[in-house]
Amino acid sequence: MALVRRAVLADAAGIAAAHVASWESTYGDILPEAFLAARSESVRLAFWTDILAENEPAVFVFVACLEDGSVCGFASGGAGELYS
């Protein structure tokens, strides 16, 4: 069973990996390979590190974690909108 909790800075790498994997599985047969390749884990890691480090109260990020603590999913949003 997964535990859902508010994300912390240490979750950035797990969120980045889940983000890239979700794009690949969802859009792999739809979008050009070069477009998906540009959404690398390193690019997403920088993005999520910035988001989580800002600790902006108007933005929320939650993670779903497995029993071992690894991130298996995430959600982010703010101001009545789900971003990802």
C-alpha atoms as a PDB file:
ATOM      1  CA  MET A   1       0.000   0.000   0.000  1.00  0.00           C
ATOM      2  CA  ALA A   2       1.250   3.506  -0.810  1.00  0.00           C
ATOM      3  CA  LEU A   3       1.520   6.332   1.696  1.00  0.00           C
ATOM      4  CA  VAL A   4       0.570   9.815   0.432  1.00  0.00           C
ATOM      5  CA  ARG A   5       2.260  12.790   2.057  1.00  0.00           C
ATOM      6  CA  ARG A   6       3.431  16.318   1.298  1.00  0.00           C
ATOM      7  CA  ALA A   7       6.659  16.280  -0.723  1.00  0.00           C
ATOM      8  CA  VAL A   8       9.973  17.462   0.704  1.00  0.00           C
ATOM      9  CA  LEU A   9      13.164  18.496  -1.082  1.00  0.00           C
ATOM     10  CA  ALA A  10      14.607  14.987  -0.697  1.00  0.00           C
ATOM     11  CA  ASP A  11      11.763  13.698  -2.922  1.00  0.00           C
ATOM     12  CA  ALA A  12      12.871  15.707  -5.981  1.00  0.00           C
ATOM     13  CA  ALA A  13      14.753  12.828  -7.647  1.00  0.00           C
ATOM     14  CA  GLY A  14      11.880  10.391  -7.134  1.00  0.00           C
ATOM     15  CA  ILE A  15       9.370  12.893  -8.483  1.00  0.00           C
ATOM     16  CA  ALA A  16      11.622  13.569 -11.501  1.00  0.00           C
ATOM     17  CA  ALA A  17      11.860   9.843 -12.259  1.00  0.00           C
ATOM     18  CA  ALA A  18       8.092   9.375 -11.951  1.00  0.00           C
ATOM     19  CA  HIS A  19       7.467  12.459 -14.097  1.00  0.00           C
ATOM     20  CA  VAL A  20       9.684  11.224 -16.941  1.00  0.00           C
ATOM     21  CA  ALA A  21       8.309   7.677 -16.723  1.00  0.00           C
ATOM     22  CA  SER A  22       4.741   8.978 -16.913  1.00  0.00           C
ATOM     23  CA  TRP A  23       5.510  11.028 -20.030  1.00  0.00           C
ATOM     24  CA  GLU A  24       7.200   8.037 -21.697  1.00  0.00           C
ATOM     25  CA  SER A  25       4.379   5.609 -20.903  1.00  0.00           C
ATOM     26  CA  THR A  26       1.592   8.051 -21.755  1.00  0.00           C
ATOM     27  CA  TYR A  27       2.999   9.806 -24.806  1.00  0.00           C
ATOM     28  CA  GLY A  28       5.622   7.357 -26.124  1.00  0.00           C
ATOM     29  CA  ASP A  29       3.543   6.414 -29.166  1.00  0.00           C
ATOM     30  CA  ILE A  30       2.172   9.907 -29.744  1.00  0.00           C
ATOM     31  CA  LEU A  31       4.982  12.454 -29.443  1.00  0.00           C
ATOM     32  CA  PRO A  32       8.321  12.517 -31.287  1.00  0.00           C
ATOM     33  CA  GLU A  33      11.154  10.694 -29.525  1.00  0.00           C
ATOM     34  CA  ALA A  34      13.313  13.857 -29.533  1.00  0.00           C
ATOM     35  CA  PHE A  35      10.588  15.751 -27.682  1.00  0.00           C
ATOM     36  CA  LEU A  36      10.401  13.093 -24.979  1.00  0.00           C
ATOM     37  CA  ALA A  37      14.189  12.799 -24.756  1.00  0.00           C
ATOM     38  CA  ALA A  38      14.351  16.506 -23.908  1.00  0.00           C
ATOM     39  CA  ARG A  39      12.352  15.730 -20.763  1.00  0.00           C
ATOM     40  CA  SER A  40      15.219  13.904 -19.090  1.00  0.00           C
ATOM     41  CA  GLU A  41      15.405  13.089 -15.403  1.00  0.00           C
ATOM     42  CA  SER A  42      18.211  15.621 -14.961  1.00  0.00           C
ATOM     43  CA  VAL A  43      16.069  18.406 -16.432  1.00  0.00           C
ATOM     44  CA  ARG A  44      13.081  17.372 -14.325  1.00  0.00           C
ATOM     45  CA  LEU A  45      15.301  17.050 -11.228  1.00  0.00           C
ATOM     46  CA  ALA A  46      16.375  20.677 -11.588  1.00  0.00           C
ATOM     47  CA  PHE A  47      12.739  21.712 -12.074  1.00  0.00           C
ATOM     48  CA  TRP A  48      11.423  19.814  -9.034  1.00  0.00           C
ATOM     49  CA  THR A  49      14.350  20.853  -6.860  1.00  0.00           C
ATOM     50  CA  ASP A  50      13.506  24.503  -7.598  1.00  0.00           C
ATOM     51  CA  ILE A  51       9.797  23.970  -6.930  1.00  0.00           C
ATOM     52  CA  LEU A  52      10.346  22.174  -3.631  1.00  0.00           C
ATOM     53  CA  ALA A  53      13.100  24.549  -2.473  1.00  0.00           C
ATOM     54  CA  GLU A  54      10.858  27.594  -3.010  1.00  0.00           C
ATOM     55  CA  ASN A  55       8.332  26.193  -0.539  1.00  0.00           C
ATOM     56  CA  GLU A  56       5.690  28.478  -2.063  1.00  0.00           C
ATOM     57  CA  PRO A  57       2.524  28.160   0.065  1.00  0.00           C
ATOM     58  CA  ALA A  58       0.247  28.620  -2.965  1.00  0.00           C
ATOM     59  CA  VAL A  59       1.712  25.504  -4.640  1.00  0.00           C
ATOM     60  CA  PHE A  60       1.235  22.006  -3.297  1.00  0.00           C
ATOM     61  CA  VAL A  61       3.198  18.874  -4.146  1.00  0.00           C
ATOM     62  CA  PHE A  62       2.264  15.473  -2.733  1.00  0.00           C
ATOM     63  CA  VAL A  63       3.998  12.149  -3.264  1.00  0.00           C
ATOM     64  CA  ALA A  64       2.802   8.570  -3.065  1.00  0.00           C
ATOM     65  CA  CYS A  65       5.525   6.376  -1.552  1.00  0.00           C
ATOM     66  CA  LEU A  66       5.956   2.630  -1.330  1.00  0.00           C
ATOM     67  CA  GLU A  67       6.746   0.949   1.973  1.00  0.00           C
ATOM     68  CA  ASP A  68      10.483   1.379   1.307  1.00  0.00           C
ATOM     69  CA  GLY A  69       9.980   5.138   0.966  1.00  0.00           C
ATOM     70  CA  SER A  70      10.520   5.297  -2.798  1.00  0.00           C
ATOM     71  CA  VAL A  71       8.284   7.658  -4.760  1.00  0.00           C
ATOM     72  CA  CYS A  72       5.797   5.867  -7.013  1.00  0.00           C
ATOM     73  CA  GLY A  73       3.640   8.859  -7.939  1.00  0.00           C
ATOM     74  CA  PHE A  74       3.070  12.544  -7.334  1.00  0.00           C
ATOM     75  CA  ALA A  75       0.599  15.377  -7.768  1.00  0.00           C
ATOM     76  CA  SER A  76       1.141  19.118  -7.839  1.00  0.00           C
ATOM     77  CA  GLY A  77      -1.126  22.086  -8.126  1.00  0.00           C
ATOM     78  CA  GLY A  78      -2.322  25.321  -6.657  1.00  0.00           C
ATOM     79  CA  ALA A  79      -5.085  27.925  -6.746  1.00  0.00           C
ATOM     80  CA  GLY A  80      -7.778  25.387  -7.630  1.00  0.00           C
ATOM     81  CA  GLU A  81      -5.746  23.800 -10.437  1.00  0.00           C
ATOM     82  CA  LEU A  82      -3.996  20.454 -10.788  1.00  0.00           C
ATOM     83  CA  TYR A  83      -0.685  21.036 -12.616  1.00  0.00           C
ATOM     84  CA  SER A  84       0.636  17.482 -12.832  1.00  0.00           C
END
